[in-house]
Amino acid sequence: MKKIIVLGAFLISTLSMNAQEANVSLSGALEFGQGESLTFGLNLDLNYLWEASEKFDFGLTAGYHYYFKEDYQLVPSTTIDVPDFSFLPLAAAARFNATEKLTFGADIGYALGISPSGNNGGFYYAPKVQFGVTPTLDIVFAYKVITFDGGGSFDVANIGLEFGF
């Protein structure tokens, strides 16, 4: 037990010595693939990254993703009510700073299904490209995928802004 406490204190002190960056991003999303009833989605993500080297950052990300669905009409007299979807993605984050203005990254983890009932979530990954506008503002393009535990996936393309602290 003593070794675990000492190791934990060492890791915390090591992480606190490295440069850290927190940021928040807000983005809009459009669905790809099988879902014909998505109108729009909004994503809010929080990232906390540690500088591993001049070119690489690693950390954690969490967010809230809400997708607005519209009813789907099969025939003129039959309409299927499609509920909105929401997820809480929790993931590891990695960034490669190719240049001062261009960053490639990926988030990999699990998206907890929040709504509707029966949305169990699934494996989550999001490759992304970021363009620096200012030292604290990036434009972010991402392709976010949630692969459901029971099969199938939910794929969206995002564009948004990321604000650094």
Protein backbone atom coordinates (compact mmCIF):
# COMPACT_ATOMS: atom_id res chain seq x y z
CA MET A 1 0.00 0.00 0.00
CA LYS A 2 2.85 2.37 0.86
CA LYS A 3 4.40 1.78 -2.60
CA ILE A 4 1.13 2.68 -4.32
CA ILE A 5 0.85 5.95 -2.38
CA VAL A 6 4.47 6.87 -3.16
CA LEU A 7 3.98 5.99 -6.85
CA GLY A 8 0.77 8.06 -6.99
CA ALA A 9 2.48 11.07 -5.39
CA PHE A 10 5.37 10.74 -7.85
CA LEU A 11 3.01 10.62 -10.86
CA ILE A 12 1.03 13.62 -9.68
CA SER A 13 4.17 15.67 -9.09
CA THR A 14 5.60 14.65 -12.48
CA LEU A 15 2.39 15.60 -14.28
CA SER A 16 2.23 18.92 -12.51
CA MET A 17 5.77 19.79 -13.67
CA ASN A 18 4.86 19.40 -17.36
CA ALA A 19 2.97 22.04 -19.31
CA GLN A 20 -0.77 21.55 -19.16
CA GLU A 21 -3.56 22.86 -21.32
CA ALA A 22 -7.29 22.93 -20.76
CA ASN A 23 -9.71 23.81 -23.53
CA VAL A 24 -13.38 23.67 -24.38
CA SER A 25 -14.88 23.15 -27.82
CA LEU A 26 -18.32 23.79 -29.22
CA SER A 27 -19.23 22.24 -32.55
CA GLY A 28 -22.09 21.50 -34.90
CA ALA A 29 -22.63 18.03 -36.39
CA LEU A 30 -24.26 16.38 -39.39
CA GLU A 31 -24.85 12.63 -39.55
CA PHE A 32 -23.33 10.30 -42.17
CA GLY A 33 -24.40 6.82 -43.14
CA GLN A 34 -27.63 5.13 -42.15
CA GLY A 35 -29.53 7.88 -40.30
CA GLU A 36 -31.79 9.83 -42.63
CA SER A 37 -33.64 11.64 -39.85
CA LEU A 38 -30.89 13.71 -38.21
CA THR A 39 -31.36 17.43 -38.62
CA PHE A 40 -28.46 18.77 -36.55
CA GLY A 41 -26.27 18.04 -33.55
CA LEU A 42 -24.47 20.15 -30.97
CA ASN A 43 -21.34 18.96 -29.13
CA LEU A 44 -19.65 20.44 -26.08
CA ASP A 45 -16.27 18.90 -25.19
CA LEU A 46 -13.78 19.60 -22.39
CA ASN A 47 -10.14 18.57 -22.85
CA TYR A 48 -7.26 18.48 -20.40
CA LEU A 49 -3.92 17.79 -22.08
CA TRP A 50 -0.35 17.37 -20.85
CA GLU A 51 2.62 18.17 -23.04
CA ALA A 52 4.60 14.96 -23.50
CA SER A 53 7.07 16.63 -25.89
CA GLU A 54 7.24 19.63 -28.15
CA LYS A 55 5.14 17.79 -30.76
CA PHE A 56 2.88 15.49 -28.67
CA ASP A 57 0.14 16.17 -26.11
CA PHE A 58 -1.86 13.49 -24.27
CA GLY A 59 -4.79 13.75 -21.90
CA LEU A 60 -8.45 13.21 -21.20
CA THR A 61 -11.64 14.47 -22.75
CA ALA A 62 -15.30 14.41 -21.77
CA GLY A 63 -18.31 15.98 -23.39
CA TYR A 64 -22.01 16.16 -23.94
CA HIS A 65 -23.31 15.46 -27.45
CA TYR A 66 -26.95 16.13 -28.34
CA TYR A 67 -28.45 15.17 -31.71
CA PHE A 68 -31.81 16.50 -32.87
CA LYS A 69 -33.86 14.00 -34.84
CA GLU A 70 -36.94 14.65 -36.92
CA ASP A 71 -39.87 12.38 -37.60
CA TYR A 72 -39.51 9.98 -40.51
CA GLN A 73 -42.45 9.61 -42.92
CA LEU A 74 -42.82 6.13 -44.45
CA VAL A 75 -45.94 6.85 -46.48
CA PRO A 76 -48.18 9.93 -46.49
CA SER A 77 -50.37 8.59 -43.66
CA THR A 78 -47.65 6.91 -41.53
CA THR A 79 -45.00 8.81 -39.61
CA ILE A 80 -42.46 7.34 -37.21
CA ASP A 81 -41.56 9.53 -34.24
CA VAL A 82 -37.76 9.43 -33.91
CA PRO A 83 -36.48 10.65 -30.51
CA ASP A 84 -33.46 12.91 -30.04
CA PHE A 85 -30.17 11.22 -29.02
CA SER A 86 -27.61 12.30 -26.44
CA PHE A 87 -24.27 10.84 -25.35
CA LEU A 88 -21.60 11.48 -22.73
CA PRO A 89 -18.25 10.52 -24.31
CA LEU A 90 -15.31 9.82 -21.97
CA ALA A 91 -12.01 9.29 -23.75
CA ALA A 92 -8.25 9.46 -23.87
CA ALA A 93 -6.98 12.26 -26.12
CA ALA A 94 -3.80 12.50 -28.20
CA ARG A 95 -2.57 15.43 -30.30
CA PHE A 96 0.32 15.75 -32.76
CA ASN A 97 1.37 19.35 -33.35
CA ALA A 98 2.57 19.14 -36.96
CA THR A 99 3.22 22.89 -37.16
CA GLU A 100 2.45 25.90 -35.01
CA LYS A 101 -0.93 26.24 -36.76
CA LEU A 102 -1.80 22.60 -37.68
CA THR A 103 -2.63 19.80 -35.23
CA PHE A 104 -3.81 16.23 -35.86
CA GLY A 105 -5.52 14.34 -33.08
CA ALA A 106 -7.74 11.51 -31.96
CA ASP A 107 -10.00 10.77 -29.01
CA ILE A 108 -10.66 7.11 -28.13
CA GLY A 109 -12.95 5.87 -25.38
CA TYR A 110 -16.55 5.06 -24.57
CA ALA A 111 -19.73 7.12 -25.11
CA LEU A 112 -22.36 6.57 -22.45
CA GLY A 113 -25.89 6.67 -23.86
CA ILE A 114 -27.97 9.31 -22.04
CA SER A 115 -31.16 9.41 -24.08
CA PRO A 116 -33.50 8.01 -25.34
CA SER A 117 -34.28 5.02 -23.18
CA GLY A 118 -32.43 1.98 -24.51
CA ASN A 119 -29.46 4.01 -25.77
CA ASN A 120 -26.62 2.02 -24.20
CA GLY A 121 -23.81 3.91 -25.93
CA GLY A 122 -20.71 2.23 -27.30
CA PHE A 123 -17.07 2.48 -28.35
CA TYR A 124 -16.19 6.08 -29.27
CA TYR A 125 -13.46 7.47 -31.50
CA ALA A 126 -12.95 10.84 -33.11
CA PRO A 127 -10.07 11.64 -35.47
CA LYS A 128 -9.64 15.40 -35.92
CA VAL A 129 -7.70 18.18 -37.61
CA GLN A 130 -7.24 21.56 -35.93
CA PHE A 131 -6.20 24.86 -37.50
CA GLY A 132 -4.85 27.53 -35.13
CA VAL A 133 -6.41 30.95 -35.62
CA THR A 134 -4.86 32.54 -32.52
CA PRO A 135 -2.84 31.01 -29.65
CA THR A 136 -6.13 30.34 -27.79
CA LEU A 137 -8.57 29.67 -30.66
CA ASP A 138 -8.66 26.74 -33.13
CA ILE A 139 -11.06 25.69 -35.85
CA VAL A 140 -11.64 21.94 -35.47
CA PHE A 141 -12.85 19.41 -38.06
CA ALA A 142 -13.71 16.00 -36.61
CA TYR A 143 -15.35 12.75 -37.66
CA LYS A 144 -16.96 11.21 -34.57
CA VAL A 145 -18.11 7.59 -34.47
CA ILE A 146 -20.00 5.66 -31.80
CA THR A 147 -20.06 1.92 -32.48
CA PHE A 148 -23.02 0.46 -30.58
CA ASP A 149 -22.61 -2.61 -28.40
CA GLY A 150 -25.46 -4.38 -30.22
CA GLY A 151 -24.11 -3.58 -33.70
CA GLY A 152 -24.31 -0.58 -36.01
CA SER A 153 -22.77 2.84 -35.57
CA PHE A 154 -23.60 6.51 -35.32
CA ASP A 155 -21.24 8.62 -37.50
CA VAL A 156 -21.15 12.43 -37.61
CA ALA A 157 -18.97 15.09 -39.20
CA ASN A 158 -18.25 18.09 -36.98
CA ILE A 159 -16.93 21.59 -37.41
CA GLY A 160 -16.42 23.85 -34.44
CA LEU A 161 -14.31 26.18 -32.36
CA GLU A 162 -11.93 25.24 -29.56
CA PHE A 163 -11.08 27.81 -26.89
CA GLY A 164 -7.92 27.37 -24.81
CA PHE A 165 -7.40 28.49 -21.21
